[in-house]
Amino acid sequence: MGYALEYLPPSCLIPIAYNFVTPALGEISAHFATSNVGWVITIGTLVLTAAIPVVGKLGDIYGKKKMMVISAGVFAVGSLIAAIAPTFEIFLLGRGLQGAGRAILVLGYGLIRDRRA
C-alpha cells in the first residue's frame, strides 16, 4: 500500500490524507486534552468551502497548473504545522491550511474540462 501512494499525484493524495485523521480523533482529543475534537473536521471543511471559488478564479487568471502547485504547497505546510503543533489551536490552524490546500480538487476538474473542450 505504501508503495502505491508514492505514485499518486497530489490531487489524489489530498482527499486520502483528509480522511486519515478520522480514526485518530480519539487520540487527538486525548493528546490535546480537549473535547472540541469536532473542530478537527469542521475547520477544514469550512476553509475548503471558502477557498474553492477563490482558488478556482485564481486558476482561471494565473493558470491552473501554477495554482495546483501553490495549493499542494499550502496543504504540505498545513500538514507540517498540524504534525508539530504544540497546542490544539495551532493544530486547527494547520488543519485550516490543509482545507485551503484541498481546493486543488477544483483545479484538477478544471484541467480535465479544459483538455476535453
Protein backbone atom coordinates (compact mmCIF):
# COMPACT_ATOMS: atom_id res chain seq x y z
CA MET A 1 0.00 0.00 0.00
CA GLY A 2 2.77 2.44 0.89
CA TYR A 3 4.43 1.99 -2.48
CA ALA A 4 1.19 2.65 -4.35
CA LEU A 5 0.78 6.02 -2.62
CA GLU A 6 4.17 7.17 -3.93
CA TYR A 7 2.90 7.16 -7.49
CA LEU A 8 -0.34 9.06 -6.96
CA PRO A 9 -0.44 12.76 -7.88
CA PRO A 10 -1.16 15.30 -5.09
CA SER A 11 -4.73 15.77 -6.33
CA CYS A 12 -5.38 12.11 -5.42
CA LEU A 13 -3.43 12.08 -2.15
CA ILE A 14 -5.08 15.12 -0.58
CA PRO A 15 -8.58 13.60 -0.21
CA ILE A 16 -7.00 10.43 1.19
CA ALA A 17 -4.93 12.41 3.68
CA TYR A 18 -8.03 14.32 4.75
CA ASN A 19 -9.68 11.09 5.85
CA PHE A 20 -6.61 9.76 7.66
CA VAL A 21 -7.45 11.94 10.66
CA THR A 22 -10.89 10.43 11.35
CA PRO A 23 -9.68 7.24 13.09
CA ALA A 24 -7.27 9.32 15.18
CA LEU A 25 -9.85 11.74 16.61
CA GLY A 26 -9.88 9.97 19.99
CA GLU A 27 -6.10 10.16 20.29
CA ILE A 28 -6.08 13.79 19.16
CA SER A 29 -8.66 14.60 21.84
CA ALA A 30 -6.57 12.88 24.50
CA HIS A 31 -3.28 14.40 23.33
CA PHE A 32 -4.56 17.98 23.42
CA ALA A 33 -6.88 17.35 26.40
CA THR A 34 -9.89 18.81 24.61
CA SER A 35 -13.46 17.75 23.99
CA ASN A 36 -13.79 20.08 20.97
CA VAL A 37 -12.39 17.47 18.62
CA GLY A 38 -15.26 18.05 16.16
CA TRP A 39 -13.45 21.18 15.01
CA VAL A 40 -10.70 19.00 13.51
CA ILE A 41 -13.04 18.04 10.66
CA THR A 42 -15.19 21.18 10.66
CA ILE A 43 -12.37 23.72 10.24
CA GLY A 44 -11.03 22.01 7.14
CA THR A 45 -14.45 21.80 5.56
CA LEU A 46 -15.27 25.45 6.29
CA VAL A 47 -11.97 26.71 4.87
CA LEU A 48 -12.31 24.45 1.83
CA THR A 49 -15.79 25.82 1.16
CA ALA A 50 -14.47 29.37 1.20
CA ALA A 51 -11.32 28.54 -0.78
CA ILE A 52 -12.93 26.71 -3.71
CA PRO A 53 -14.31 29.76 -5.57
CA VAL A 54 -11.22 31.85 -4.79
CA VAL A 55 -8.74 29.22 -5.94
CA GLY A 56 -10.88 28.41 -8.99
CA LYS A 57 -10.90 32.05 -10.08
CA LEU A 58 -7.16 32.42 -9.40
CA GLY A 59 -6.63 29.30 -11.51
CA ASP A 60 -8.52 30.95 -14.37
CA ILE A 61 -6.44 34.13 -14.03
CA TYR A 62 -2.93 32.81 -13.31
CA GLY A 63 -3.12 29.26 -14.64
CA LYS A 64 -4.46 26.07 -13.14
CA LYS A 65 -1.14 24.23 -13.04
CA LYS A 66 0.55 27.08 -11.17
CA MET A 67 -2.29 27.22 -8.65
CA MET A 68 -2.16 23.43 -8.23
CA VAL A 69 1.48 23.70 -7.18
CA ILE A 70 0.63 26.50 -4.76
CA SER A 71 -2.34 24.56 -3.36
CA ALA A 72 -0.20 21.46 -2.85
CA GLY A 73 2.38 23.63 -1.07
CA VAL A 74 -0.29 25.14 1.21
CA PHE A 75 -1.52 21.64 2.03
CA ALA A 76 2.04 20.49 2.81
CA VAL A 77 2.67 23.48 5.10
CA GLY A 78 -0.64 22.82 6.86
CA SER A 79 0.33 19.18 7.32
CA LEU A 80 3.68 20.17 8.81
CA ILE A 81 2.06 22.64 11.20
CA ALA A 82 -0.53 20.07 12.28
CA ALA A 83 2.18 17.45 12.80
CA ILE A 84 4.32 19.61 15.11
CA ALA A 85 1.53 21.61 16.77
CA PRO A 86 2.15 22.19 20.48
CA THR A 87 -1.44 23.33 21.14
CA PHE A 88 -4.87 22.47 19.84
CA GLU A 89 -5.30 25.95 18.36
CA ILE A 90 -2.09 25.60 16.31
CA PHE A 91 -3.26 22.14 15.25
CA LEU A 92 -6.52 23.68 14.00
CA LEU A 93 -4.51 26.31 12.11
CA GLY A 94 -2.67 23.50 10.32
CA ARG A 95 -5.96 21.74 9.57
CA GLY A 96 -7.34 25.00 8.18
CA LEU A 97 -4.38 25.33 5.84
CA GLN A 98 -4.94 21.74 4.78
CA GLY A 99 -8.52 22.69 3.96
CA ALA A 100 -7.30 25.59 1.81
CA GLY A 101 -4.89 23.25 0.04
CA ARG A 102 -7.67 20.77 -0.68
CA ALA A 103 -9.08 23.30 -3.14
CA ILE A 104 -6.62 21.66 -5.55
CA LEU A 105 -9.50 19.36 -6.45
CA VAL A 106 -11.45 22.07 -8.26
CA LEU A 107 -8.33 22.88 -10.28
CA GLY A 108 -7.97 19.25 -11.30
CA TYR A 109 -11.56 19.18 -12.51
CA GLY A 110 -10.92 22.40 -14.42
CA LEU A 111 -7.87 20.92 -16.14
CA ILE A 112 -9.88 17.88 -17.21
CA ARG A 113 -12.64 20.14 -18.56
CA ASP A 114 -10.10 22.27 -20.47
CA ARG A 115 -8.49 19.23 -22.09
CA ARG A 116 -11.83 17.85 -23.24
CA ALA A 117 -13.05 21.15 -24.70
